[in-house]
N, C-alpha and C. Protein backbone atom coordinates (compact mmCIF):
# COMPACT_ATOMS: atom_id res chain seq x y z
N MET A 1 40.65 97.57 63.62
CA MET A 1 40.41 96.83 62.37
C MET A 1 38.97 96.35 62.30
N LYS A 2 38.41 96.00 63.46
CA LYS A 2 37.03 95.51 63.48
C LYS A 2 36.06 96.56 62.94
N ASP A 3 36.30 97.83 63.27
CA ASP A 3 35.42 98.90 62.82
C ASP A 3 35.41 99.01 61.30
N ILE A 4 36.58 98.93 60.67
CA ILE A 4 36.64 99.03 59.20
C ILE A 4 35.98 97.83 58.56
N ASN A 5 36.10 96.65 59.16
CA ASN A 5 35.44 95.45 58.63
C ASN A 5 33.93 95.62 58.65
N GLU A 6 33.43 96.17 59.76
CA GLU A 6 31.99 96.43 59.87
C GLU A 6 31.54 97.45 58.82
N GLU A 7 32.35 98.48 58.60
CA GLU A 7 32.01 99.51 57.62
C GLU A 7 31.99 98.95 56.19
N VAL A 8 32.97 98.09 55.89
CA VAL A 8 33.00 97.45 54.57
C VAL A 8 31.77 96.58 54.39
N LEU A 9 31.43 95.81 55.42
CA LEU A 9 30.25 94.95 55.34
C LEU A 9 28.98 95.77 55.17
N LYS A 10 28.84 96.85 55.91
CA LYS A 10 27.66 97.72 55.79
C LYS A 10 27.54 98.29 54.37
N ALA A 11 28.68 98.75 53.83
CA ALA A 11 28.67 99.32 52.48
C ALA A 11 28.31 98.26 51.45
N TRP A 12 28.85 97.05 51.62
CA TRP A 12 28.57 95.93 50.71
C TRP A 12 27.08 95.61 50.73
N ILE A 13 26.52 95.48 51.92
CA ILE A 13 25.09 95.16 52.06
C ILE A 13 24.24 96.28 51.49
N ARG A 14 24.61 97.52 51.77
CA ARG A 14 23.85 98.66 51.24
C ARG A 14 23.84 98.66 49.71
N LEU A 15 24.99 98.43 49.10
CA LEU A 15 25.08 98.37 47.64
C LEU A 15 24.24 97.23 47.09
N THR A 16 24.35 96.06 47.69
CA THR A 16 23.58 94.89 47.25
C THR A 16 22.08 95.13 47.36
N LEU A 17 21.65 95.69 48.48
CA LEU A 17 20.22 95.97 48.68
C LEU A 17 19.73 97.02 47.68
N THR A 18 20.54 98.02 47.43
CA THR A 18 20.15 99.07 46.48
C THR A 18 19.97 98.49 45.09
N ILE A 19 20.89 97.63 44.69
CA ILE A 19 20.81 97.02 43.35
C ILE A 19 19.62 96.07 43.26
N ASN A 20 19.43 95.25 44.28
CA ASN A 20 18.37 94.23 44.22
C ASN A 20 16.98 94.76 44.54
N LYS A 21 16.90 95.87 45.23
CA LYS A 21 15.60 96.40 45.67
C LYS A 21 14.66 96.66 44.50
N ASP A 22 15.17 97.29 43.48
CA ASP A 22 14.32 97.65 42.35
C ASP A 22 14.42 96.68 41.18
N ARG A 23 15.06 95.53 41.41
CA ARG A 23 15.20 94.52 40.35
C ARG A 23 15.55 95.18 39.02
N LEU A 24 16.80 95.42 38.82
CA LEU A 24 17.27 96.11 37.62
C LEU A 24 16.77 95.44 36.34
N VAL A 25 16.69 94.14 36.36
CA VAL A 25 16.19 93.41 35.21
C VAL A 25 15.01 92.56 35.66
N PRO A 26 13.80 93.13 35.65
CA PRO A 26 12.65 92.43 36.21
C PRO A 26 12.25 91.16 35.45
N ASP A 27 12.64 91.04 34.19
CA ASP A 27 12.25 89.87 33.40
C ASP A 27 13.15 88.66 33.64
N LEU A 28 14.32 88.90 34.21
CA LEU A 28 15.29 87.83 34.42
C LEU A 28 15.75 87.83 35.88
N THR A 29 15.99 86.64 36.41
CA THR A 29 16.60 86.56 37.73
C THR A 29 18.08 86.92 37.59
N PHE A 30 18.72 87.13 38.70
CA PHE A 30 20.16 87.44 38.67
C PHE A 30 20.93 86.32 37.97
N ASN A 31 20.67 85.07 38.36
CA ASN A 31 21.39 83.94 37.76
C ASN A 31 21.12 83.84 36.26
N GLU A 32 19.89 84.08 35.84
CA GLU A 32 19.57 84.04 34.42
C GLU A 32 20.33 85.13 33.67
N SER A 33 20.41 86.30 34.25
CA SER A 33 21.16 87.40 33.63
C SER A 33 22.63 87.05 33.46
N VAL A 34 23.21 86.48 34.50
CA VAL A 34 24.62 86.10 34.46
C VAL A 34 24.85 85.02 33.40
N ILE A 35 23.98 84.04 33.35
CA ILE A 35 24.10 82.96 32.36
C ILE A 35 23.98 83.52 30.94
N CYS A 36 23.02 84.40 30.72
CA CYS A 36 22.87 85.03 29.40
C CYS A 36 24.13 85.78 29.01
N ARG A 37 24.68 86.52 29.95
CA ARG A 37 25.90 87.29 29.68
C ARG A 37 27.06 86.36 29.31
N LEU A 38 27.23 85.29 30.06
CA LEU A 38 28.30 84.34 29.76
C LEU A 38 28.11 83.71 28.38
N LEU A 39 26.87 83.36 28.06
CA LEU A 39 26.60 82.76 26.74
C LEU A 39 26.85 83.77 25.62
N LYS A 40 26.46 85.00 25.84
CA LYS A 40 26.65 86.03 24.82
C LYS A 40 28.14 86.29 24.59
N GLU A 41 28.94 86.24 25.64
CA GLU A 41 30.37 86.51 25.53
C GLU A 41 31.17 85.31 25.02
N SER A 42 30.55 84.13 24.98
CA SER A 42 31.27 82.92 24.56
C SER A 42 31.71 83.03 23.11
N THR A 43 32.99 82.80 22.88
CA THR A 43 33.51 82.85 21.51
C THR A 43 33.09 81.63 20.70
N LYS A 44 32.67 80.55 21.38
CA LYS A 44 32.23 79.33 20.70
C LYS A 44 30.78 79.43 20.24
N GLY A 45 30.03 80.39 20.81
CA GLY A 45 28.61 80.49 20.49
C GLY A 45 27.74 79.65 21.42
N PHE A 46 28.37 78.92 22.31
CA PHE A 46 27.66 78.09 23.28
C PHE A 46 28.60 77.83 24.45
N LEU A 47 28.05 77.32 25.53
CA LEU A 47 28.83 76.81 26.66
C LEU A 47 28.19 75.51 27.10
N THR A 48 28.97 74.67 27.74
CA THR A 48 28.39 73.45 28.29
C THR A 48 27.78 73.78 29.65
N ALA A 49 26.89 72.93 30.09
CA ALA A 49 26.30 73.11 31.41
C ALA A 49 27.40 73.06 32.48
N SER A 50 28.38 72.20 32.29
CA SER A 50 29.50 72.11 33.24
C SER A 50 30.31 73.40 33.28
N GLU A 51 30.54 74.00 32.12
CA GLU A 51 31.27 75.27 32.08
C GLU A 51 30.49 76.37 32.80
N LEU A 52 29.18 76.38 32.62
CA LEU A 52 28.36 77.37 33.32
C LEU A 52 28.43 77.17 34.83
N CYS A 53 28.39 75.91 35.26
CA CYS A 53 28.50 75.61 36.70
C CYS A 53 29.85 76.09 37.24
N GLU A 54 30.90 75.82 36.49
CA GLU A 54 32.25 76.20 36.92
C GLU A 54 32.40 77.72 36.98
N SER A 55 31.87 78.42 35.99
CA SER A 55 32.00 79.88 35.93
C SER A 55 31.20 80.59 37.01
N THR A 56 30.05 80.03 37.35
CA THR A 56 29.14 80.71 38.27
C THR A 56 29.19 80.19 39.70
N GLY A 57 29.69 78.96 39.87
CA GLY A 57 29.67 78.35 41.19
C GLY A 57 28.32 77.77 41.56
N ILE A 58 27.41 77.72 40.60
CA ILE A 58 26.08 77.17 40.82
C ILE A 58 26.16 75.64 40.74
N LEU A 59 25.52 74.96 41.67
CA LEU A 59 25.49 73.50 41.67
C LEU A 59 24.74 72.97 40.46
N LYS A 60 25.11 71.76 40.00
CA LYS A 60 24.48 71.17 38.81
C LYS A 60 22.96 71.07 38.94
N SER A 61 22.47 70.64 40.11
CA SER A 61 21.03 70.49 40.29
C SER A 61 20.32 71.84 40.17
N GLN A 62 20.91 72.87 40.75
CA GLN A 62 20.32 74.21 40.66
C GLN A 62 20.44 74.75 39.23
N MET A 63 21.58 74.48 38.59
CA MET A 63 21.78 74.94 37.21
C MET A 63 20.73 74.33 36.30
N ASN A 64 20.42 73.05 36.46
CA ASN A 64 19.40 72.41 35.63
C ASN A 64 18.05 73.09 35.80
N GLN A 65 17.70 73.44 37.03
CA GLN A 65 16.44 74.14 37.28
C GLN A 65 16.42 75.50 36.59
N ILE A 66 17.51 76.23 36.70
CA ILE A 66 17.61 77.56 36.08
C ILE A 66 17.51 77.43 34.56
N LEU A 67 18.26 76.48 34.00
CA LEU A 67 18.26 76.30 32.54
C LEU A 67 16.88 75.90 32.04
N ASN A 68 16.18 75.04 32.77
CA ASN A 68 14.84 74.63 32.36
C ASN A 68 13.87 75.83 32.37
N LYS A 69 14.00 76.70 33.36
CA LYS A 69 13.16 77.91 33.39
C LYS A 69 13.51 78.84 32.24
N MET A 70 14.79 78.88 31.89
CA MET A 70 15.22 79.72 30.77
C MET A 70 14.71 79.17 29.44
N ILE A 71 14.58 77.86 29.35
CA ILE A 71 14.00 77.24 28.16
C ILE A 71 12.52 77.61 28.07
N GLU A 72 11.82 77.55 29.20
CA GLU A 72 10.41 77.94 29.25
C GLU A 72 10.22 79.39 28.83
N LYS A 73 11.18 80.25 29.18
CA LYS A 73 11.12 81.66 28.80
C LYS A 73 11.59 81.89 27.37
N ASP A 74 12.00 80.82 26.71
CA ASP A 74 12.47 80.86 25.32
C ASP A 74 13.76 81.68 25.18
N LEU A 75 14.62 81.63 26.20
CA LEU A 75 15.88 82.37 26.19
C LEU A 75 17.04 81.55 25.65
N ILE A 76 16.98 80.23 25.88
CA ILE A 76 18.11 79.38 25.51
C ILE A 76 17.62 78.11 24.82
N ILE A 77 18.57 77.44 24.19
CA ILE A 77 18.35 76.11 23.62
C ILE A 77 19.37 75.20 24.29
N LYS A 78 18.92 74.02 24.69
CA LYS A 78 19.79 73.04 25.34
C LYS A 78 19.84 71.81 24.42
N GLU A 79 21.06 71.41 24.01
CA GLU A 79 21.22 70.25 23.13
C GLU A 79 22.32 69.34 23.64
N ARG A 80 22.18 68.06 23.36
CA ARG A 80 23.25 67.11 23.65
C ARG A 80 24.32 67.26 22.57
N SER A 81 25.56 67.15 22.96
CA SER A 81 26.67 67.23 22.01
C SER A 81 26.64 66.01 21.10
N SER A 82 26.93 66.21 19.83
CA SER A 82 26.95 65.08 18.88
C SER A 82 28.22 64.25 19.06
N THR A 83 29.26 64.85 19.65
CA THR A 83 30.52 64.12 19.84
C THR A 83 30.62 63.45 21.21
N ASP A 84 29.93 64.00 22.20
CA ASP A 84 29.97 63.43 23.55
C ASP A 84 28.58 63.57 24.16
N LYS A 85 27.84 62.47 24.17
CA LYS A 85 26.44 62.49 24.62
C LYS A 85 26.28 62.92 26.07
N ARG A 86 27.37 62.86 26.85
CA ARG A 86 27.29 63.29 28.25
C ARG A 86 27.26 64.82 28.36
N GLU A 87 27.74 65.49 27.33
CA GLU A 87 27.82 66.95 27.35
C GLU A 87 26.53 67.59 26.86
N VAL A 88 26.09 68.61 27.59
CA VAL A 88 24.92 69.38 27.20
C VAL A 88 25.40 70.77 26.77
N LEU A 89 25.07 71.15 25.55
CA LEU A 89 25.48 72.45 25.02
C LEU A 89 24.33 73.44 25.19
N ILE A 90 24.66 74.63 25.65
CA ILE A 90 23.66 75.67 25.90
C ILE A 90 23.92 76.83 24.95
N TYR A 91 22.89 77.20 24.20
CA TYR A 91 22.97 78.31 23.25
C TYR A 91 22.01 79.40 23.69
N LEU A 92 22.44 80.65 23.56
CA LEU A 92 21.56 81.78 23.83
C LEU A 92 20.66 81.95 22.62
N LYS A 93 19.35 81.85 22.82
CA LYS A 93 18.40 81.92 21.73
C LYS A 93 17.87 83.34 21.54
N ASP A 94 17.41 83.92 22.63
CA ASP A 94 16.76 85.23 22.55
C ASP A 94 17.76 86.34 22.88
N VAL A 95 18.66 86.61 21.94
CA VAL A 95 19.69 87.63 22.15
C VAL A 95 19.06 89.01 22.30
N LYS A 96 17.99 89.27 21.57
CA LYS A 96 17.35 90.60 21.61
C LYS A 96 16.82 90.90 23.01
N SER A 97 16.19 89.93 23.65
CA SER A 97 15.67 90.12 25.00
C SER A 97 16.81 90.42 25.97
N PHE A 98 17.91 89.68 25.85
CA PHE A 98 19.06 89.95 26.71
C PHE A 98 19.62 91.34 26.44
N ASP A 99 19.73 91.71 25.17
CA ASP A 99 20.26 93.03 24.83
C ASP A 99 19.41 94.15 25.43
N LEU A 100 18.09 93.98 25.44
CA LEU A 100 17.21 94.99 26.05
C LEU A 100 17.47 95.09 27.55
N GLN A 101 17.61 93.96 28.22
CA GLN A 101 17.90 93.95 29.64
C GLN A 101 19.28 94.58 29.91
N HIS A 102 20.24 94.24 29.07
CA HIS A 102 21.59 94.77 29.22
C HIS A 102 21.58 96.29 29.05
N ASP A 103 20.83 96.78 28.07
CA ASP A 103 20.74 98.22 27.85
C ASP A 103 20.16 98.94 29.06
N LYS A 104 19.18 98.33 29.74
CA LYS A 104 18.60 98.93 30.95
C LYS A 104 19.67 99.07 32.03
N ILE A 105 20.44 98.02 32.21
CA ILE A 105 21.50 98.04 33.23
C ILE A 105 22.56 99.07 32.86
N MET A 106 22.94 99.11 31.59
CA MET A 106 23.98 100.04 31.17
C MET A 106 23.53 101.49 31.34
N THR A 107 22.25 101.77 31.22
CA THR A 107 21.74 103.12 31.46
C THR A 107 21.98 103.52 32.91
N ILE A 108 21.74 102.58 33.82
CA ILE A 108 21.97 102.84 35.25
C ILE A 108 23.46 103.01 35.52
N VAL A 109 24.28 102.12 34.95
CA VAL A 109 25.73 102.21 35.14
C VAL A 109 26.24 103.54 34.59
N GLN A 110 25.72 103.97 33.46
CA GLN A 110 26.16 105.24 32.85
C GLN A 110 25.82 106.41 33.76
N LYS A 111 24.66 106.38 34.41
CA LYS A 111 24.29 107.45 35.34
C LYS A 111 25.27 107.50 36.51
N ILE A 112 25.65 106.34 37.00
CA ILE A 112 26.59 106.27 38.11
C ILE A 112 27.97 106.78 37.68
N THR A 113 28.46 106.29 36.56
CA THR A 113 29.80 106.69 36.13
C THR A 113 29.86 108.16 35.74
N SER A 114 28.77 108.70 35.22
CA SER A 114 28.79 110.13 34.87
C SER A 114 28.87 110.99 36.13
N LYS A 115 28.25 110.53 37.22
CA LYS A 115 28.34 111.28 38.48
C LYS A 115 29.71 111.10 39.14
N LEU A 116 30.31 109.92 38.98
CA LEU A 116 31.62 109.67 39.55
C LEU A 116 32.74 110.34 38.77
N GLY A 117 32.58 110.41 37.45
CA GLY A 117 33.65 110.90 36.59
C GLY A 117 34.56 109.76 36.19
N ASP A 118 35.37 110.01 35.16
CA ASP A 118 36.23 108.96 34.61
C ASP A 118 37.25 108.44 35.63
N LYS A 119 37.92 109.34 36.33
CA LYS A 119 38.97 108.92 37.26
C LYS A 119 38.41 108.03 38.37
N ARG A 120 37.35 108.48 39.01
CA ARG A 120 36.78 107.71 40.11
C ARG A 120 36.13 106.41 39.60
N SER A 121 35.55 106.45 38.41
CA SER A 121 34.96 105.24 37.83
C SER A 121 36.04 104.18 37.60
N LYS A 122 37.21 104.60 37.12
CA LYS A 122 38.32 103.67 36.93
C LYS A 122 38.79 103.13 38.27
N GLU A 123 38.85 103.99 39.29
CA GLU A 123 39.25 103.55 40.62
C GLU A 123 38.27 102.52 41.17
N VAL A 124 36.97 102.78 41.00
CA VAL A 124 35.93 101.84 41.46
C VAL A 124 36.08 100.50 40.74
N THR A 125 36.31 100.55 39.43
CA THR A 125 36.49 99.33 38.65
C THR A 125 37.69 98.53 39.17
N GLU A 126 38.79 99.23 39.40
CA GLU A 126 39.99 98.56 39.91
C GLU A 126 39.73 97.95 41.29
N LEU A 127 39.01 98.68 42.16
CA LEU A 127 38.70 98.16 43.49
C LEU A 127 37.76 96.97 43.42
N PHE A 128 36.71 97.04 42.58
CA PHE A 128 35.80 95.90 42.43
C PHE A 128 36.56 94.66 41.96
N ASN A 129 37.44 94.86 40.96
CA ASN A 129 38.22 93.73 40.45
C ASN A 129 39.18 93.18 41.50
N LEU A 130 39.79 94.07 42.28
CA LEU A 130 40.68 93.63 43.35
C LEU A 130 39.90 92.83 44.40
N VAL A 131 38.73 93.33 44.80
CA VAL A 131 37.90 92.62 45.77
C VAL A 131 37.51 91.25 45.23
N ALA A 132 37.11 91.19 43.95
CA ALA A 132 36.73 89.92 43.34
C ALA A 132 37.90 88.95 43.30
N ASP A 133 39.10 89.47 42.97
CA ASP A 133 40.30 88.62 42.93
C ASP A 133 40.63 88.06 44.31
N ILE A 134 40.56 88.92 45.32
CA ILE A 134 40.86 88.47 46.68
C ILE A 134 39.83 87.44 47.13
N ALA A 135 38.56 87.71 46.86
CA ALA A 135 37.49 86.77 47.24
C ALA A 135 37.69 85.42 46.54
N ALA A 136 38.07 85.46 45.27
CA ALA A 136 38.29 84.21 44.52
C ALA A 136 39.47 83.42 45.10
N LYS A 137 40.51 84.11 45.46
CA LYS A 137 41.69 83.44 46.03
C LYS A 137 41.38 82.86 47.41
N GLU A 138 40.51 83.53 48.14
CA GLU A 138 40.13 83.05 49.46
C GLU A 138 39.04 81.98 49.40
N LYS A 139 38.54 81.73 48.17
CA LYS A 139 37.48 80.75 47.92
C LYS A 139 36.27 81.00 48.81
N LEU A 140 35.79 82.24 48.73
CA LEU A 140 34.64 82.63 49.54
C LEU A 140 33.36 82.04 49.00
């Protein structure tokens, strides 16, 4: 069992290094990309800073630093809620910039899935989701 654990770890590290080596989205950090994606997918049109912390696992102090840098980059708007002054609402401002970054990533994903084919791409998706579910349950 130890051998397979080592192989899984090696594959995980190799995949992570391959993705991060060439910085798929050079204009945004990984955390900024994730935050933009969450904001874009929000049905409310915004998320609170607390919701972003909960979704990403990023600490409040770190989240504030990331959000302030995103404001400097003109990517988001941060406002106090009119109904609850303790709440900070985050809006995605520069949707076009995020869409350009997203398109770059999707081009790479499309190259991978075209080489894998539909069946194997679905299997990879199912495995990634299973790994994420197990990791979440184990509170890694």
